[in-house]
PDB file of N, CA and C in Angstrom:
ATOM      1  N   MET A   1     -25.596  -0.827   0.246  1.00  0.00           N
ATOM      2  CA  MET A   1     -25.502  -0.899  -1.604  1.00  0.00           C
ATOM      3  C   MET A   1     -25.902  -1.748  -2.543  1.00  0.00           C
ATOM      4  N   SER A   2     -26.553  -0.965  -3.568  1.00  0.00           N
ATOM      5  CA  SER A   2     -27.240  -2.438  -3.975  1.00  0.00           C
ATOM      6  C   SER A   2     -26.065  -2.823  -5.068  1.00  0.00           C
ATOM      7  N   SER A   3     -26.514  -4.059  -5.601  1.00  0.00           N
ATOM      8  CA  SER A   3     -25.763  -4.822  -6.592  1.00  0.00           C
ATOM      9  C   SER A   3     -25.214  -4.437  -7.904  1.00  0.00           C
ATOM     10  N   THR A   4     -25.904  -3.735  -8.395  1.00  0.00           N
ATOM     11  CA  THR A   4     -25.816  -3.011  -9.825  1.00  0.00           C
ATOM     12  C   THR A   4     -24.942  -1.814  -9.456  1.00  0.00           C
ATOM     13  N   SER A   5     -24.748  -1.398  -8.261  1.00  0.00           N
ATOM     14  CA  SER A   5     -23.623   0.307  -8.072  1.00  0.00           C
ATOM     15  C   SER A   5     -22.368  -0.160  -8.086  1.00  0.00           C
ATOM     16  N   GLN A   6     -21.632   0.707  -8.733  1.00  0.00           N
ATOM     17  CA  GLN A   6     -20.307   0.620  -9.042  1.00  0.00           C
ATOM     18  C   GLN A   6     -19.509   0.649  -7.639  1.00  0.00           C
ATOM     19  N   PRO A   7     -18.326  -0.040  -7.360  1.00  0.00           N
ATOM     20  CA  PRO A   7     -17.718   0.007  -6.056  1.00  0.00           C
ATOM     21  C   PRO A   7     -16.990   1.478  -5.992  1.00  0.00           C
ATOM     22  N   VAL A   8     -16.531   1.961  -5.114  1.00  0.00           N
ATOM     23  CA  VAL A   8     -15.679   3.166  -4.591  1.00  0.00           C
ATOM     24  C   VAL A   8     -14.266   2.930  -4.997  1.00  0.00           C
ATOM     25  N   LEU A   9     -13.485   3.596  -5.645  1.00  0.00           N
ATOM     26  CA  LEU A   9     -12.297   2.912  -5.589  1.00  0.00           C
ATOM     27  C   LEU A   9     -11.478   4.244  -4.796  1.00  0.00           C
ATOM     28  N   ARG A  10     -10.362   4.020  -4.049  1.00  0.00           N
ATOM     29  CA  ARG A  10      -9.425   4.948  -3.572  1.00  0.00           C
ATOM     30  C   ARG A  10      -8.382   5.169  -4.410  1.00  0.00           C
ATOM     31  N   VAL A  11      -8.102   6.406  -5.322  1.00  0.00           N
ATOM     32  CA  VAL A  11      -6.905   6.387  -5.896  1.00  0.00           C
ATOM     33  C   VAL A  11      -6.095   7.373  -5.784  1.00  0.00           C
ATOM     34  N   ARG A  12      -4.868   7.691  -6.460  1.00  0.00           N
ATOM     35  CA  ARG A  12      -4.011   8.654  -6.407  1.00  0.00           C
ATOM     36  C   ARG A  12      -3.914   9.518  -7.726  1.00  0.00           C
ATOM     37  N   ILE A  13      -4.327  10.615  -7.590  1.00  0.00           N
ATOM     38  CA  ILE A  13      -4.520  11.405  -8.910  1.00  0.00           C
ATOM     39  C   ILE A  13      -2.976  12.295  -8.799  1.00  0.00           C
ATOM     40  N   THR A  14      -1.956  12.001  -9.898  1.00  0.00           N
ATOM     41  CA  THR A  14      -1.230  12.753 -10.175  1.00  0.00           C
ATOM     42  C   THR A  14      -0.979  13.403 -11.310  1.00  0.00           C
ATOM     43  N   ALA A  15      -0.741  14.649 -11.066  1.00  0.00           N
ATOM     44  CA  ALA A  15      -0.786  15.761 -12.180  1.00  0.00           C
ATOM     45  C   ALA A  15       0.949  16.333 -12.245  1.00  0.00           C
ATOM     46  N   ARG A  16       1.248  16.615 -13.449  1.00  0.00           N
ATOM     47  CA  ARG A  16       2.589  17.378 -13.881  1.00  0.00           C
ATOM     48  C   ARG A  16       2.898  18.477 -13.184  1.00  0.00           C
ATOM     49  N   ASP A  17       1.996  19.365 -12.716  1.00  0.00           N
ATOM     50  CA  ASP A  17       2.356  20.407 -11.992  1.00  0.00           C
ATOM     51  C   ASP A  17       0.783  20.854 -11.261  1.00  0.00           C
ATOM     52  N   THR A  18       0.874  21.775 -10.067  1.00  0.00           N
ATOM     53  CA  THR A  18      -0.197  22.428  -9.432  1.00  0.00           C
ATOM     54  C   THR A  18      -1.306  22.875  -9.979  1.00  0.00           C
ATOM     55  N   GLN A  19      -0.901  23.921 -11.248  1.00  0.00           N
ATOM     56  CA  GLN A  19      -1.851  24.275 -12.110  1.00  0.00           C
ATOM     57  C   GLN A  19      -3.040  23.274 -12.620  1.00  0.00           C
ATOM     58  N   THR A  20      -2.453  22.095 -12.958  1.00  0.00           N
ATOM     59  CA  THR A  20      -2.985  20.939 -14.082  1.00  0.00           C
ATOM     60  C   THR A  20      -4.000  20.421 -13.000  1.00  0.00           C
ATOM     61  N   LEU A  21      -3.375  20.063 -11.769  1.00  0.00           N
ATOM     62  CA  LEU A  21      -4.094  19.639 -10.688  1.00  0.00           C
ATOM     63  C   LEU A  21      -5.323  20.172 -10.076  1.00  0.00           C
ATOM     64  N   ARG A  22      -5.305  21.699 -10.028  1.00  0.00           N
ATOM     65  CA  ARG A  22      -6.211  22.539  -9.680  1.00  0.00           C
ATOM     66  C   ARG A  22      -7.333  22.810 -10.719  1.00  0.00           C
ATOM     67  N   ALA A  23      -6.896  22.832 -12.209  1.00  0.00           N
ATOM     68  CA  ALA A  23      -7.865  22.828 -13.014  1.00  0.00           C
ATOM     69  C   ALA A  23      -8.762  21.453 -13.184  1.00  0.00           C
ATOM     70  N   LEU A  24      -8.060  20.470 -13.014  1.00  0.00           N
ATOM     71  CA  LEU A  24      -8.851  19.149 -12.767  1.00  0.00           C
ATOM     72  C   LEU A  24     -10.025  19.114 -11.807  1.00  0.00           C
ATOM     73  N   LEU A  25      -9.144  19.432 -10.675  1.00  0.00           N
ATOM     74  CA  LEU A  25      -9.983  19.297  -9.313  1.00  0.00           C
ATOM     75  C   LEU A  25     -11.668  20.328  -9.530  1.00  0.00           C
ATOM     76  N   ARG A  26     -11.214  21.481 -10.276  1.00  0.00           N
ATOM     77  CA  ARG A  26     -12.336  22.526 -10.422  1.00  0.00           C
ATOM     78  C   ARG A  26     -13.276  21.956 -11.498  1.00  0.00           C
ATOM     79  N   GLU A  27     -13.119  21.148 -12.464  1.00  0.00           N
ATOM     80  CA  GLU A  27     -13.574  20.627 -12.987  1.00  0.00           C
ATOM     81  C   GLU A  27     -14.404  19.333 -13.087  1.00  0.00           C
ATOM     82  N   ALA A  28     -13.594  18.196 -12.439  1.00  0.00           N
ATOM     83  CA  ALA A  28     -14.071  17.027 -11.937  1.00  0.00           C
ATOM     84  C   ALA A  28     -15.032  17.048 -10.806  1.00  0.00           C
ATOM     85  N   ARG A  29     -14.114  17.750  -9.781  1.00  0.00           N
ATOM     86  CA  ARG A  29     -14.895  17.831  -8.534  1.00  0.00           C
ATOM     87  C   ARG A  29     -14.818  16.728  -7.946  1.00  0.00           C
ATOM     88  N   PRO A  30     -13.904  15.731  -7.664  1.00  0.00           N
ATOM     89  CA  PRO A  30     -13.938  14.512  -7.294  1.00  0.00           C
ATOM     90  C   PRO A  30     -13.998  14.538  -5.543  1.00  0.00           C
ATOM     91  N   ASP A  31     -14.364  13.574  -5.166  1.00  0.00           N
ATOM     92  CA  ASP A  31     -14.564  13.320  -3.485  1.00  0.00           C
ATOM     93  C   ASP A  31     -13.072  13.189  -2.786  1.00  0.00           C
ATOM     94  N   ILE A  32     -12.364  14.280  -2.603  1.00  0.00           N
ATOM     95  CA  ILE A  32     -10.904  14.342  -1.872  1.00  0.00           C
ATOM     96  C   ILE A  32     -10.810  13.821  -0.897  1.00  0.00           C
ATOM     97  N   GLY A  33      -9.749  12.944  -0.712  1.00  0.00           N
ATOM     98  CA  GLY A  33      -9.305  12.492   0.931  1.00  0.00           C
ATOM     99  C   GLY A  33      -7.879  12.722   1.212  1.00  0.00           C
ATOM    100  N   GLY A  34      -7.923  14.218   1.736  1.00  0.00           N
ATOM    101  CA  GLY A  34      -6.946  14.605   2.276  1.00  0.00           C
ATOM    102  C   GLY A  34      -6.292  16.085   1.530  1.00  0.00           C
ATOM    103  N   GLY A  35      -4.934  16.203   1.633  1.00  0.00           N
ATOM    104  CA  GLY A  35      -4.321  17.400   0.929  1.00  0.00           C
ATOM    105  C   GLY A  35      -3.499  16.862  -0.012  1.00  0.00           C
ATOM    106  N   PRO A  36      -2.971  17.686  -0.748  1.00  0.00           N
ATOM    107  CA  PRO A  36      -2.173  17.557  -1.822  1.00  0.00           C
ATOM    108  C   PRO A  36      -0.715  17.485  -1.446  1.00  0.00           C
ATOM    109  N   HIS A  37      -0.336  16.374  -2.240  1.00  0.00           N
ATOM    110  CA  HIS A  37       1.623  16.371  -1.990  1.00  0.00           C
ATOM    111  C   HIS A  37       1.857  16.578  -3.115  1.00  0.00           C
ATOM    112  N   ARG A  38       3.396  17.487  -2.763  1.00  0.00           N
ATOM    113  CA  ARG A  38       4.223  17.707  -4.270  1.00  0.00           C
ATOM    114  C   ARG A  38       5.363  17.087  -3.921  1.00  0.00           C
ATOM    115  N   ALA A  39       6.165  16.155  -5.344  1.00  0.00           N
ATOM    116  CA  ALA A  39       7.216  15.592  -5.193  1.00  0.00           C
ATOM    117  C   ALA A  39       8.418  16.534  -5.641  1.00  0.00           C
ATOM    118  N   GLU A  40       9.427  16.268  -5.320  1.00  0.00           N
ATOM    119  CA  GLU A  40      10.929  17.267  -5.540  1.00  0.00           C
ATOM    120  C   GLU A  40      10.633  17.405  -7.230  1.00  0.00           C
ATOM    121  N   ASP A  41      10.118  16.319  -8.246  1.00  0.00           N
ATOM    122  CA  ASP A  41      10.279  16.614  -9.302  1.00  0.00           C
ATOM    123  C   ASP A  41       9.216  17.465 -10.041  1.00  0.00           C
ATOM    124  N   GLY A  42       8.296  17.850  -8.825  1.00  0.00           N
ATOM    125  CA  GLY A  42       7.544  18.784  -9.764  1.00  0.00           C
ATOM    126  C   GLY A  42       6.161  18.600  -9.736  1.00  0.00           C
ATOM    127  N   THR A  43       5.873  17.090  -9.721  1.00  0.00           N
ATOM    128  CA  THR A  43       4.606  16.778  -9.725  1.00  0.00           C
ATOM    129  C   THR A  43       3.647  16.820  -8.337  1.00  0.00           C
ATOM    130  N   CYS A  44       2.255  16.925  -8.643  1.00  0.00           N
ATOM    131  CA  CYS A  44       1.815  17.135  -7.491  1.00  0.00           C
ATOM    132  C   CYS A  44       0.480  16.032  -7.603  1.00  0.00           C
ATOM    133  N   SER A  45       0.198  15.348  -6.484  1.00  0.00           N
ATOM    134  CA  SER A  45      -0.714  14.303  -6.542  1.00  0.00           C
ATOM    135  C   SER A  45      -1.806  14.783  -4.953  1.00  0.00           C
ATOM    136  N   ILE A  46      -2.765  13.924  -4.994  1.00  0.00           N
ATOM    137  CA  ILE A  46      -4.062  14.148  -4.241  1.00  0.00           C
ATOM    138  C   ILE A  46      -4.615  12.623  -4.165  1.00  0.00           C
ATOM    139  N   GLU A  47      -4.903  11.933  -3.153  1.00  0.00           N
ATOM    140  CA  GLU A  47      -6.205  11.137  -3.120  1.00  0.00           C
ATOM    141  C   GLU A  47      -7.822  11.122  -3.039  1.00  0.00           C
ATOM    142  N   ALA A  48      -8.004  10.785  -3.993  1.00  0.00           N
ATOM    143  CA  ALA A  48     -10.016  10.435  -4.022  1.00  0.00           C
ATOM    144  C   ALA A  48     -10.428   9.575  -3.847  1.00  0.00           C
ATOM    145  N   TYR A  49     -11.398   9.600  -3.918  1.00  0.00           N
ATOM    146  CA  TYR A  49     -12.519   8.399  -4.199  1.00  0.00           C
ATOM    147  C   TYR A  49     -13.596   8.765  -5.006  1.00  0.00           C
ATOM    148  N   VAL A  50     -13.545   7.597  -6.260  1.00  0.00           N
ATOM    149  CA  VAL A  50     -14.431   8.023  -7.329  1.00  0.00           C
ATOM    150  C   VAL A  50     -14.730   6.326  -7.687  1.00  0.00           C
ATOM    151  N   THR A  51     -15.676   6.352  -8.571  1.00  0.00           N
ATOM    152  CA  THR A  51     -16.171   5.213  -9.194  1.00  0.00           C
ATOM    153  C   THR A  51     -15.072   4.767 -10.265  1.00  0.00           C
ATOM    154  N   GLY A  52     -15.329   3.763 -10.923  1.00  0.00           N
ATOM    155  CA  GLY A  52     -14.190   3.436 -12.061  1.00  0.00           C
ATOM    156  C   GLY A  52     -14.060   4.376 -13.483  1.00  0.00           C
ATOM    157  N   GLU A  53     -15.771   4.411 -13.687  1.00  0.00           N
ATOM    158  CA  GLU A  53     -15.837   5.276 -14.840  1.00  0.00           C
ATOM    159  C   GLU A  53     -15.327   6.772 -14.351  1.00  0.00           C
ATOM    160  N   GLN A  54     -15.542   7.107 -13.473  1.00  0.00           N
ATOM    161  CA  GLN A  54     -14.922   8.548 -12.978  1.00  0.00           C
ATOM    162  C   GLN A  54     -13.402   8.630 -13.347  1.00  0.00           C
ATOM    163  N   ALA A  55     -12.745   7.440 -12.269  1.00  0.00           N
ATOM    164  CA  ALA A  55     -11.225   7.391 -12.286  1.00  0.00           C
ATOM    165  C   ALA A  55     -10.698   7.294 -14.183  1.00  0.00           C
ATOM    166  N   GLU A  56     -11.521   6.636 -14.794  1.00  0.00           N
ATOM    167  CA  GLU A  56     -10.927   6.640 -16.344  1.00  0.00           C
ATOM    168  C   GLU A  56     -11.550   8.126 -17.316  1.00  0.00           C
ATOM    169  N   ALA A  57     -12.166   8.861 -16.693  1.00  0.00           N
ATOM    170  CA  ALA A  57     -12.847   9.949 -17.198  1.00  0.00           C
ATOM    171  C   ALA A  57     -11.545  11.165 -16.490  1.00  0.00           C
ATOM    172  N   LEU A  58     -10.984  10.845 -15.343  1.00  0.00           N
ATOM    173  CA  LEU A  58      -9.656  11.934 -14.939  1.00  0.00           C
ATOM    174  C   LEU A  58      -8.468  11.919 -15.615  1.00  0.00           C
ATOM    175  N   GLU A  59      -8.308  10.893 -16.175  1.00  0.00           N
ATOM    176  CA  GLU A  59      -7.224  10.547 -16.891  1.00  0.00           C
ATOM    177  C   GLU A  59      -7.017  11.382 -18.280  1.00  0.00           C
ATOM    178  N   ARG A  60      -5.954  12.289 -18.133  1.00  0.00           N
ATOM    179  CA  ARG A  60      -5.921  13.009 -19.807  1.00  0.00           C
ATOM    180  C   ARG A  60      -4.116  13.254 -19.537  1.00  0.00           C
ATOM    181  N   GLU A  61      -3.989  14.083 -20.853  1.00  0.00           N
ATOM    182  CA  GLU A  61      -2.611  14.533 -20.847  1.00  0.00           C
ATOM    183  C   GLU A  61      -2.138  15.447 -19.636  1.00  0.00           C
ATOM    184  N   GLY A  62      -0.993  14.978 -19.310  1.00  0.00           N
ATOM    185  CA  GLY A  62      -0.653  15.271 -17.871  1.00  0.00           C
ATOM    186  C   GLY A  62      -0.977  14.656 -16.584  1.00  0.00           C
ATOM    187  N   VAL A  63      -1.946  14.088 -16.891  1.00  0.00           N
ATOM    188  CA  VAL A  63      -2.602  13.356 -15.312  1.00  0.00           C
ATOM    189  C   VAL A  63      -2.892  12.200 -15.081  1.00  0.00           C
ATOM    190  N   SER A  64      -2.146  11.148 -14.322  1.00  0.00           N
ATOM    191  CA  SER A  64      -2.296   9.797 -14.200  1.00  0.00           C
ATOM    192  C   SER A  64      -3.174   9.513 -13.052  1.00  0.00           C
ATOM    193  N   VAL A  65      -4.027   8.621 -13.201  1.00  0.00           N
ATOM    194  CA  VAL A  65      -4.916   7.830 -11.864  1.00  0.00           C
ATOM    195  C   VAL A  65      -4.256   6.640 -11.792  1.00  0.00           C
ATOM    196  N   THR A  66      -3.922   6.245 -10.315  1.00  0.00           N
ATOM    197  CA  THR A  66      -3.336   4.998 -10.044  1.00  0.00           C
ATOM    198  C   THR A  66      -4.418   4.587  -8.779  1.00  0.00           C
ATOM    199  N   THR A  67      -4.865   3.559  -8.848  1.00  0.00           N
ATOM    200  CA  THR A  67      -5.774   2.543  -8.145  1.00  0.00           C
ATOM    201  C   THR A  67      -4.919   2.422  -6.730  1.00  0.00           C
ATOM    202  N   ILE A  68      -5.118   3.066  -5.700  1.00  0.00           N
ATOM    203  CA  ILE A  68      -4.969   2.232  -4.483  1.00  0.00           C
ATOM    204  C   ILE A  68      -5.506   0.956  -3.706  1.00  0.00           C
ATOM    205  N   GLU A  69      -6.887   1.071  -3.596  1.00  0.00           N
ATOM    206  CA  GLU A  69      -7.940   0.172  -2.934  1.00  0.00           C
ATOM    207  C   GLU A  69      -9.212   0.403  -3.453  1.00  0.00           C
ATOM    208  N   ASN A  70      -9.760  -1.095  -3.569  1.00  0.00           N
ATOM    209  CA  ASN A  70     -11.379  -0.913  -3.824  1.00  0.00           C
ATOM    210  C   ASN A  70     -11.954  -0.462  -2.255  1.00  0.00           C
ATOM    211  N   ALA A  71     -12.258   0.927  -1.942  1.00  0.00           N
ATOM    212  CA  ALA A  71     -12.662   1.291  -0.883  1.00  0.00           C
ATOM    213  C   ALA A  71     -13.762   0.496  -0.230  1.00  0.00           C
ATOM    214  N   THR A  72     -14.896   0.575  -1.256  1.00  0.00           N
ATOM    215  CA  THR A  72     -16.123  -0.564  -0.980  1.00  0.00           C
ATOM    216  C   THR A  72     -15.767  -1.918  -0.090  1.00  0.00           C
ATOM    217  N   ALA A  73     -14.855  -2.960  -1.133  1.00  0.00           N
ATOM    218  CA  ALA A  73     -14.617  -4.060  -0.488  1.00  0.00           C
ATOM    219  C   ALA A  73     -13.811  -3.658   0.951  1.00  0.00           C
ATOM    220  N   ALA A  74     -12.778  -2.910   1.317  1.00  0.00           N
ATOM    221  CA  ALA A  74     -12.244  -2.386   2.243  1.00  0.00           C
ATOM    222  C   ALA A  74     -13.140  -1.870   3.393  1.00  0.00           C
ATOM    223  N   GLY A  75     -14.307  -1.205   3.241  1.00  0.00           N
ATOM    224  CA  GLY A  75     -15.265  -1.143   4.091  1.00  0.00           C
ATOM    225  C   GLY A  75     -15.986  -1.936   4.858  1.00  0.00           C
ATOM    226  N   LEU A  76     -16.690  -2.672   3.465  1.00  0.00           N
ATOM    227  CA  LEU A  76     -17.135  -3.887   3.843  1.00  0.00           C
ATOM    228  C   LEU A  76     -16.264  -4.923   4.860  1.00  0.00           C
ATOM    229  N   ALA A  77     -15.218  -4.987   4.471  1.00  0.00           N
ATOM    230  CA  ALA A  77     -14.170  -5.805   5.301  1.00  0.00           C
ATOM    231  C   ALA A  77     -14.372  -5.337   6.727  1.00  0.00           C
ATOM    232  N   ARG A  78     -14.126  -4.272   6.840  1.00  0.00           N
ATOM    233  CA  ARG A  78     -13.938  -3.799   8.348  1.00  0.00           C
ATOM    234  C   ARG A  78     -15.077  -3.736   9.080  1.00  0.00           C
ATOM    235  N   GLN A  79     -16.400  -3.393   8.377  1.00  0.00           N
ATOM    236  CA  GLN A  79     -17.399  -3.797   8.993  1.00  0.00           C
ATOM    237  C   GLN A  79     -18.087  -5.083   9.802  1.00  0.00           C
ATOM    238  N   ALA A  80     -17.550  -6.030   8.822  1.00  0.00           N
ATOM    239  CA  ALA A  80     -17.421  -7.354   8.852  1.00  0.00           C
ATOM    240  C   ALA A  80     -16.617  -7.588  10.288  1.00  0.00           C
ATOM    241  N   GLU A  81     -15.560  -7.148  10.533  1.00  0.00           N
ATOM    242  CA  GLU A  81     -14.969  -7.267  11.973  1.00  0.00           C
ATOM    243  C   GLU A  81     -15.795  -6.723  13.427  1.00  0.00           C
ATOM    244  N   VAL A  82     -16.712  -6.040  13.278  1.00  0.00           N
ATOM    245  CA  VAL A  82     -17.504  -5.572  14.265  1.00  0.00           C
ATOM    246  C   VAL A  82     -18.609  -6.291  14.488  1.00  0.00           C
ATOM    247  N   GLY A  83     -18.824  -6.341  15.801  1.00  0.00           N
ATOM    248  CA  GLY A  83     -19.562  -7.515  16.453  1.00  0.00           C
ATOM    249  C   GLY A  83     -21.112  -6.759  16.748  1.00  0.00           C
ATOM    250  N   GLU A  84     -21.975  -7.253  16.961  1.00  0.00           N
ATOM    251  CA  GLU A  84     -23.276  -7.155  17.131  1.00  0.00           C
ATOM    252  C   GLU A  84     -23.574  -7.403  18.565  1.00  0.00           C
ATOM    253  N   GLY A  85     -24.363  -6.406  18.960  1.00  0.00           N
ATOM    254  CA  GLY A  85     -25.083  -5.906  20.185  1.00  0.00           C
ATOM    255  C   GLY A  85     -24.299  -5.225  21.094  1.00  0.00           C
ATOM    256  N   ASP A  86     -24.652  -5.151  22.505  1.00  0.00           N
ATOM    257  CA  ASP A  86     -23.893  -4.156  23.072  1.00  0.00           C
ATOM    258  C   ASP A  86     -22.766  -4.815  24.154  1.00  0.00           C
ATOM    259  N   ARG A  87     -21.658  -5.013  24.002  1.00  0.00           N
ATOM    260  CA  ARG A  87     -20.570  -5.832  24.619  1.00  0.00           C
ATOM    261  C   ARG A  87     -20.617  -4.788  26.025  1.00  0.00           C
ATOM    262  N   PHE A  88     -21.156  -3.796  26.289  1.00  0.00           N
ATOM    263  CA  PHE A  88     -20.773  -3.022  27.635  1.00  0.00           C
ATOM    264  C   PHE A  88     -22.057  -3.631  28.506  1.00  0.00           C
ATOM    265  N   ALA A  89     -23.391  -3.818  27.824  1.00  0.00           N
ATOM    266  CA  ALA A  89     -24.594  -4.101  28.545  1.00  0.00           C
ATOM    267  C   ALA A  89     -24.126  -5.186  29.486  1.00  0.00           C
ATOM    268  N   PRO A  90     -25.164  -5.213  31.168  1.00  0.00           N
ATOM    269  CA  PRO A  90     -24.757  -6.358  31.527  1.00  0.00           C
ATOM    270  C   PRO A  90     -25.623  -7.291  31.002  1.00  0.00           C
ATOM    271  N   ALA A  91     -25.377  -8.789  30.935  1.00  0.00           N
ATOM    272  CA  ALA A  91     -26.075  -9.902  30.467  1.00  0.00           C
ATOM    273  C   ALA A  91     -27.736 -10.155  30.821  1.00  0.00           C
ATOM    274  N   ASP A  92     -28.081  -9.462  32.029  1.00  0.00           N
ATOM    275  CA  ASP A  92     -29.512  -9.439  32.250  1.00  0.00           C
ATOM    276  C   ASP A  92     -30.316  -8.121  32.190  1.00  0.00           C
ATOM    277  N   ALA A  93     -29.599  -7.193  31.525  1.00  0.00           N
ATOM    278  CA  ALA A  93     -30.246  -5.926  31.042  1.00  0.00           C
ATOM    279  C   ALA A  93     -31.333  -5.890  30.465  1.00  0.00           C
ATOM    280  N   VAL A  94     -32.088  -5.439  31.013  1.00  0.00           N
ATOM    281  CA  VAL A  94     -33.978  -5.093  30.413  1.00  0.00           C
ATOM    282  C   VAL A  94     -33.817  -3.704  29.332  1.00  0.00           C
ATOM    283  N   PRO A  95     -34.106  -3.902  28.194  1.00  0.00           N
ATOM    284  CA  PRO A  95     -34.610  -2.919  27.486  1.00  0.00           C
ATOM    285  C   PRO A  95     -35.542  -1.928  27.874  1.00  0.00           C
ATOM    286  N   HIS A  96     -35.059  -0.327  27.626  1.00  0.00           N
ATOM    287  CA  HIS A  96     -35.736   0.483  27.790  1.00  0.00           C
ATOM    288  C   HIS A  96     -36.663   0.977  26.935  1.00  0.00           C
ATOM    289  N   GLY A  97     -37.384   1.911  26.988  1.00  0.00           N
ATOM    290  CA  GLY A  97     -37.706   3.211  25.736  1.00  0.00           C
ATOM    291  C   GLY A  97     -38.847   2.246  24.811  1.00  0.00           C
ATOM    292  N   LEU A  98     -38.732   2.703  23.766  1.00  0.00           N
ATOM    293  CA  LEU A  98     -39.700   2.367  22.693  1.00  0.00           C
ATOM    294  C   LEU A  98     -39.341   0.903  22.246  1.00  0.00           C
ATOM    295  N   ALA A  99     -38.195   0.420  22.224  1.00  0.00           N
ATOM    296  CA  ALA A  99     -37.965  -0.665  21.522  1.00  0.00           C
ATOM    297  C   ALA A  99     -38.838  -1.964  21.842  1.00  0.00           C
ATOM    298  N   VAL A 100     -38.713  -2.817  20.972  1.00  0.00           N
ATOM    299  CA  VAL A 100     -39.410  -4.229  21.053  1.00  0.00           C
ATOM    300  C   VAL A 100     -38.807  -5.359  21.298  1.00  0.00           C
ATOM    301  N   LYS A 101     -38.818  -5.845  22.601  1.00  0.00           N
ATOM    302  CA  LYS A 101     -38.215  -7.181  22.886  1.00  0.00           C
ATOM    303  C   LYS A 101     -38.589  -8.063  22.101  1.00  0.00           C
ATOM    304  N   ALA A 102     -37.392  -8.937  21.765  1.00  0.00           N
ATOM    305  CA  ALA A 102     -37.601  -9.944  20.561  1.00  0.00           C
ATOM    306  C   ALA A 102     -37.185 -10.988  21.311  1.00  0.00           C
TER     307      ALA A 102
END
């Protein structure tokens, strides 16, 4: 990810009814994260992964967008937890194949 690109946000899109949500999804085609959820009051929501600009563009009458987390930052934090090297390889293992031993 370059320093000039926008972070990806995980957002919850909530619409007043299923028809409004379907129309929005057909028009905007955001990257969806899971299935829709219908509340007792009739509203329908779904999680999506979008940039900040895309999140602003999704908001309109009958639709609200709530940011859940910065998915880019969360992903980078999870990657930092991953160790380097092959923890299952024996300490005296000799590399095979086309790799260069450094």
